[in-house]
Amino acid sequence: MPLTLYVLRHAKAEDVAAGGDHERVLRGRGRKAAKGIGRALARLEELPDLVLTSTAARARETAELVLEASGGAAELEQRREVYEASARTLLDQVASLPEDAERVLLVGHQPGLSLLIAELTGAEPDFPTAACARVDLTVARWKDVAPGTGRIVWLFPADVLTALASTQG
């Protein structure tokens, strides 16, 4: 079975937090976008088996809201290594995913996420807050994920996903 990696940049967050960058929470529009993304993933029937998120407050909150709004039952796993990670570190995190997960949503930060997509697919996308990409992998096991083993199937900014979630039909 082919593997799918959904890459999601956290939604729009506050500019500062008393506890520092790691403690920045989502703004109101960020919470709205995260919920819209969750509804859109459900509508597209693109629900992950596992959600891997940075431990930063804005990424955790994005992941939790996406899961809640999607109605999905995926496990949520937080890893400090995803916070401010390089493409290499993110690639290592992906390669360490459990084999029973076929669809994984990775929630993290820039510039690591767009650089990870570039490593996997050969193309570095513009990746604003709350953008989500689907990358299909040509390998059957996460431990075999390496540069060049993916292709972008779609990449949508938050407003497109939110609009999709609210359309009828």
C-alpha atoms as a PDB file:
ATOM      1  CA  MET A   1       0.000   0.000   0.000  1.00  0.00           C
ATOM      2  CA  PRO A   2       1.465   3.395  -0.926  1.00  0.00           C
ATOM      3  CA  LEU A   3       2.182   5.828   1.885  1.00  0.00           C
ATOM      4  CA  THR A   4       0.777   9.330   2.070  1.00  0.00           C
ATOM      5  CA  LEU A   5       2.299  12.215   3.992  1.00  0.00           C
ATOM      6  CA  TYR A   6       0.173  15.297   4.567  1.00  0.00           C
ATOM      7  CA  VAL A   7       2.356  18.282   5.434  1.00  0.00           C
ATOM      8  CA  LEU A   8       0.613  21.117   7.282  1.00  0.00           C
ATOM      9  CA  ARG A   9       2.144  24.361   8.435  1.00  0.00           C
ATOM     10  CA  HIS A  10       0.613  25.530  11.702  1.00  0.00           C
ATOM     11  CA  ALA A  11      -2.168  28.087  11.410  1.00  0.00           C
ATOM     12  CA  LYS A  12      -1.764  31.831  12.068  1.00  0.00           C
ATOM     13  CA  ALA A  13      -0.417  32.458  15.570  1.00  0.00           C
ATOM     14  CA  GLU A  14       0.050  35.375  17.928  1.00  0.00           C
ATOM     15  CA  ASP A  15       3.227  37.362  17.290  1.00  0.00           C
ATOM     16  CA  VAL A  16       4.569  37.010  20.843  1.00  0.00           C
ATOM     17  CA  ALA A  17       3.944  34.996  24.004  1.00  0.00           C
ATOM     18  CA  ALA A  18       5.092  35.523  27.558  1.00  0.00           C
ATOM     19  CA  GLY A  19       6.801  32.121  27.542  1.00  0.00           C
ATOM     20  CA  GLY A  20       8.654  32.740  24.271  1.00  0.00           C
ATOM     21  CA  ASP A  21       8.243  31.442  20.725  1.00  0.00           C
ATOM     22  CA  HIS A  22       7.427  27.874  21.757  1.00  0.00           C
ATOM     23  CA  GLU A  23       4.368  29.100  23.708  1.00  0.00           C
ATOM     24  CA  ARG A  24       2.738  31.200  20.959  1.00  0.00           C
ATOM     25  CA  VAL A  25      -0.934  30.220  20.520  1.00  0.00           C
ATOM     26  CA  LEU A  26      -3.253  30.551  17.540  1.00  0.00           C
ATOM     27  CA  ARG A  27      -5.110  33.723  16.695  1.00  0.00           C
ATOM     28  CA  GLY A  28      -8.852  33.552  16.133  1.00  0.00           C
ATOM     29  CA  ARG A  29      -8.402  33.329  12.360  1.00  0.00           C
ATOM     30  CA  GLY A  30      -5.834  30.560  12.885  1.00  0.00           C
ATOM     31  CA  ARG A  31      -8.323  28.513  14.906  1.00  0.00           C
ATOM     32  CA  LYS A  32     -10.951  29.062  12.206  1.00  0.00           C
ATOM     33  CA  ALA A  33      -8.513  27.963   9.483  1.00  0.00           C
ATOM     34  CA  ALA A  34      -7.482  24.824  11.397  1.00  0.00           C
ATOM     35  CA  LYS A  35     -11.120  23.786  11.796  1.00  0.00           C
ATOM     36  CA  GLY A  36     -11.737  24.436   8.093  1.00  0.00           C
ATOM     37  CA  ILE A  37      -8.771  22.263   7.181  1.00  0.00           C
ATOM     38  CA  GLY A  38     -10.119  19.441   9.326  1.00  0.00           C
ATOM     39  CA  ARG A  39     -13.539  19.649   7.663  1.00  0.00           C
ATOM     40  CA  ALA A  40     -11.898  19.774   4.213  1.00  0.00           C
ATOM     41  CA  LEU A  41      -9.778  16.676   4.889  1.00  0.00           C
ATOM     42  CA  ALA A  42     -12.931  14.839   5.971  1.00  0.00           C
ATOM     43  CA  ARG A  43     -14.805  16.016   2.874  1.00  0.00           C
ATOM     44  CA  LEU A  44     -11.922  14.861   0.662  1.00  0.00           C
ATOM     45  CA  GLU A  45     -11.851  11.538   2.560  1.00  0.00           C
ATOM     46  CA  GLU A  46      -8.183  12.217   3.327  1.00  0.00           C
ATOM     47  CA  LEU A  47      -8.147  11.425   7.051  1.00  0.00           C
ATOM     48  CA  PRO A  48      -4.778  10.469   8.534  1.00  0.00           C
ATOM     49  CA  ASP A  49      -4.102   7.396  10.667  1.00  0.00           C
ATOM     50  CA  LEU A  50      -1.578   9.340  12.728  1.00  0.00           C
ATOM     51  CA  VAL A  51      -0.892  13.018  13.391  1.00  0.00           C
ATOM     52  CA  LEU A  52       2.702  13.923  14.214  1.00  0.00           C
ATOM     53  CA  THR A  53       3.107  17.445  15.553  1.00  0.00           C
ATOM     54  CA  SER A  54       5.685  19.789  16.924  1.00  0.00           C
ATOM     55  CA  THR A  55       5.390  20.447  20.651  1.00  0.00           C
ATOM     56  CA  ALA A  56       5.028  24.202  20.038  1.00  0.00           C
ATOM     57  CA  ALA A  57       1.655  25.475  21.274  1.00  0.00           C
ATOM     58  CA  ARG A  58       0.575  26.777  17.839  1.00  0.00           C
ATOM     59  CA  ALA A  59       1.336  23.475  16.102  1.00  0.00           C
ATOM     60  CA  ARG A  60      -0.304  21.364  18.824  1.00  0.00           C
ATOM     61  CA  GLU A  61      -3.400  23.540  18.753  1.00  0.00           C
ATOM     62  CA  THR A  62      -3.556  23.355  14.948  1.00  0.00           C
ATOM     63  CA  ALA A  63      -3.265  19.551  15.048  1.00  0.00           C
ATOM     64  CA  GLU A  64      -5.908  19.201  17.760  1.00  0.00           C
ATOM     65  CA  LEU A  65      -8.398  21.463  15.960  1.00  0.00           C
ATOM     66  CA  VAL A  66      -7.861  19.705  12.618  1.00  0.00           C
ATOM     67  CA  LEU A  67      -8.472  16.338  14.257  1.00  0.00           C
ATOM     68  CA  GLU A  68     -11.539  17.538  16.141  1.00  0.00           C
ATOM     69  CA  ALA A  69     -13.131  19.193  13.100  1.00  0.00           C
ATOM     70  CA  SER A  70     -12.382  16.222  10.823  1.00  0.00           C
ATOM     71  CA  GLY A  71     -14.116  13.764  13.113  1.00  0.00           C
ATOM     72  CA  GLY A  72     -11.125  11.495  12.628  1.00  0.00           C
ATOM     73  CA  ALA A  73      -9.817   9.080  15.206  1.00  0.00           C
ATOM     74  CA  ALA A  74      -6.109   9.392  14.469  1.00  0.00           C
ATOM     75  CA  GLU A  75      -3.591   9.170  17.265  1.00  0.00           C
ATOM     76  CA  LEU A  76      -1.847  12.463  18.042  1.00  0.00           C
ATOM     77  CA  GLU A  77       1.873  12.225  18.736  1.00  0.00           C
ATOM     78  CA  GLN A  78       3.956  15.210  19.810  1.00  0.00           C
ATOM     79  CA  ARG A  79       7.698  15.328  19.165  1.00  0.00           C
ATOM     80  CA  ARG A  80      10.009  18.119  20.263  1.00  0.00           C
ATOM     81  CA  GLU A  81      12.291  17.221  17.328  1.00  0.00           C
ATOM     82  CA  VAL A  82       9.696  18.608  14.886  1.00  0.00           C
ATOM     83  CA  TYR A  83       9.954  22.105  16.423  1.00  0.00           C
ATOM     84  CA  GLU A  84      12.284  24.305  14.322  1.00  0.00           C
ATOM     85  CA  ALA A  85      13.521  21.167  12.554  1.00  0.00           C
ATOM     86  CA  SER A  86      15.678  21.068   9.463  1.00  0.00           C
ATOM     87  CA  ALA A  87      14.601  19.087   6.412  1.00  0.00           C
ATOM     88  CA  ARG A  88      17.058  16.325   7.430  1.00  0.00           C
ATOM     89  CA  THR A  89      15.588  16.089  10.925  1.00  0.00           C
ATOM     90  CA  LEU A  90      12.056  15.994   9.529  1.00  0.00           C
ATOM     91  CA  LEU A  91      13.072  13.304   7.049  1.00  0.00           C
ATOM     92  CA  ASP A  92      14.454  11.273   9.973  1.00  0.00           C
ATOM     93  CA  GLN A  93      11.192  11.783  11.893  1.00  0.00           C
ATOM     94  CA  VAL A  94       9.167  10.577   8.913  1.00  0.00           C
ATOM     95  CA  ALA A  95      11.461   7.559   8.474  1.00  0.00           C
ATOM     96  CA  SER A  96      10.802   6.597  12.105  1.00  0.00           C
ATOM     97  CA  LEU A  97       7.003   6.509  11.771  1.00  0.00           C
ATOM     98  CA  PRO A  98       5.201   3.315  12.773  1.00  0.00           C
ATOM     99  CA  GLU A  99       4.625   0.869   9.941  1.00  0.00           C
ATOM    100  CA  ASP A 100       0.913   0.459  10.716  1.00  0.00           C
ATOM    101  CA  ALA A 101       0.217   4.081   9.719  1.00  0.00           C
ATOM    102  CA  GLU A 102      -0.390   4.560   5.986  1.00  0.00           C
ATOM    103  CA  ARG A 103      -1.521   8.200   6.059  1.00  0.00           C
ATOM    104  CA  VAL A 104       0.318  10.607   8.348  1.00  0.00           C
ATOM    105  CA  LEU A 105      -0.312  14.303   8.929  1.00  0.00           C
ATOM    106  CA  LEU A 106       2.856  16.193   9.903  1.00  0.00           C
ATOM    107  CA  VAL A 107       2.195  19.575  11.567  1.00  0.00           C
ATOM    108  CA  GLY A 108       5.175  21.860  11.933  1.00  0.00           C
ATOM    109  CA  HIS A 109       7.008  25.011  10.959  1.00  0.00           C
ATOM    110  CA  GLN A 110       8.800  26.863   8.206  1.00  0.00           C
ATOM    111  CA  PRO A 111      11.270  26.709   6.638  1.00  0.00           C
ATOM    112  CA  GLY A 112      11.668  23.026   7.499  1.00  0.00           C
ATOM    113  CA  LEU A 113       8.376  21.892   5.987  1.00  0.00           C
ATOM    114  CA  SER A 114       8.886  23.379   2.522  1.00  0.00           C
ATOM    115  CA  LEU A 115      12.475  22.128   2.552  1.00  0.00           C
ATOM    116  CA  LEU A 116      11.219  18.627   3.454  1.00  0.00           C
ATOM    117  CA  ILE A 117       8.794  18.731   0.537  1.00  0.00           C
ATOM    118  CA  ALA A 118      11.674  19.845  -1.703  1.00  0.00           C
ATOM    119  CA  GLU A 119      13.811  16.916  -0.500  1.00  0.00           C
ATOM    120  CA  LEU A 120      11.006  14.438  -1.146  1.00  0.00           C
ATOM    121  CA  THR A 121       9.758  15.815  -4.464  1.00  0.00           C
ATOM    122  CA  GLY A 122      12.452  18.021  -5.957  1.00  0.00           C
ATOM    123  CA  ALA A 123      10.260  21.135  -5.825  1.00  0.00           C
ATOM    124  CA  GLU A 124      10.182  23.638  -2.966  1.00  0.00           C
ATOM    125  CA  PRO A 125       6.721  25.174  -2.664  1.00  0.00           C
ATOM    126  CA  ASP A 126       5.579  28.492  -1.318  1.00  0.00           C
ATOM    127  CA  PHE A 127       4.136  27.411   2.036  1.00  0.00           C
ATOM    128  CA  PRO A 128       2.166  30.068   3.962  1.00  0.00           C
ATOM    129  CA  THR A 129       0.605  29.478   7.363  1.00  0.00           C
ATOM    130  CA  ALA A 130      -2.054  26.760   7.342  1.00  0.00           C
ATOM    131  CA  ALA A 131      -1.059  25.523   3.883  1.00  0.00           C
ATOM    132  CA  CYS A 132      -1.445  21.771   3.479  1.00  0.00           C
ATOM    133  CA  ALA A 133       0.193  19.482   0.936  1.00  0.00           C
ATOM    134  CA  ARG A 134      -0.394  15.847   0.096  1.00  0.00           C
ATOM    135  CA  VAL A 135       2.792  13.999  -0.815  1.00  0.00           C
ATOM    136  CA  ASP A 136       2.465  10.436  -2.075  1.00  0.00           C
ATOM    137  CA  LEU A 137       5.523   8.302  -1.502  1.00  0.00           C
ATOM    138  CA  THR A 138       6.868   5.633  -3.846  1.00  0.00           C
ATOM    139  CA  VAL A 139       8.019   3.402  -0.993  1.00  0.00           C
ATOM    140  CA  ALA A 140       6.030   0.874   1.026  1.00  0.00           C
ATOM    141  CA  ARG A 141       7.740   1.451   4.388  1.00  0.00           C
ATOM    142  CA  TRP A 142       8.417   4.696   6.227  1.00  0.00           C
ATOM    143  CA  LYS A 143      11.970   3.633   6.974  1.00  0.00           C
ATOM    144  CA  ASP A 144      12.643   3.649   3.216  1.00  0.00           C
ATOM    145  CA  VAL A 145      11.591   7.285   2.744  1.00  0.00           C
ATOM    146  CA  ALA A 146      14.489   9.201   1.188  1.00  0.00           C
ATOM    147  CA  PRO A 147      15.063  12.238  -1.019  1.00  0.00           C
ATOM    148  CA  GLY A 148      13.243  11.890  -4.326  1.00  0.00           C
ATOM    149  CA  THR A 149      10.727   9.284  -3.130  1.00  0.00           C
ATOM    150  CA  GLY A 150       7.666  11.554  -3.178  1.00  0.00           C
ATOM    151  CA  ARG A 151       5.454  13.559  -5.461  1.00  0.00           C
ATOM    152  CA  ILE A 152       3.095  16.398  -4.639  1.00  0.00           C
ATOM    153  CA  VAL A 153      -0.501  15.390  -5.377  1.00  0.00           C
ATOM    154  CA  TRP A 154      -1.993  18.655  -4.159  1.00  0.00           C
ATOM    155  CA  LEU A 155      -1.072  21.726  -2.157  1.00  0.00           C
ATOM    156  CA  PHE A 156      -3.723  24.156  -0.961  1.00  0.00           C
ATOM    157  CA  PRO A 157      -3.550  27.351   1.060  1.00  0.00           C
ATOM    158  CA  ALA A 158      -5.923  27.583   4.044  1.00  0.00           C
ATOM    159  CA  ASP A 159      -8.506  29.721   2.254  1.00  0.00           C
ATOM    160  CA  VAL A 160      -8.990  27.125  -0.490  1.00  0.00           C
ATOM    161  CA  LEU A 161      -9.392  24.324   2.053  1.00  0.00           C
ATOM    162  CA  THR A 162     -11.799  26.405   4.134  1.00  0.00           C
ATOM    163  CA  ALA A 163     -13.854  27.216   1.023  1.00  0.00           C
ATOM    164  CA  LEU A 164     -13.893  23.548   0.066  1.00  0.00           C
ATOM    165  CA  ALA A 165     -15.112  22.606   3.530  1.00  0.00           C
ATOM    166  CA  SER A 166     -18.031  25.010   3.265  1.00  0.00           C
ATOM    167  CA  THR A 167     -19.255  24.114  -0.236  1.00  0.00           C
ATOM    168  CA  GLN A 168     -22.420  22.095  -0.654  1.00  0.00           C
ATOM    169  CA  GLY A 169     -22.621  18.806  -2.488  1.00  0.00           C
END
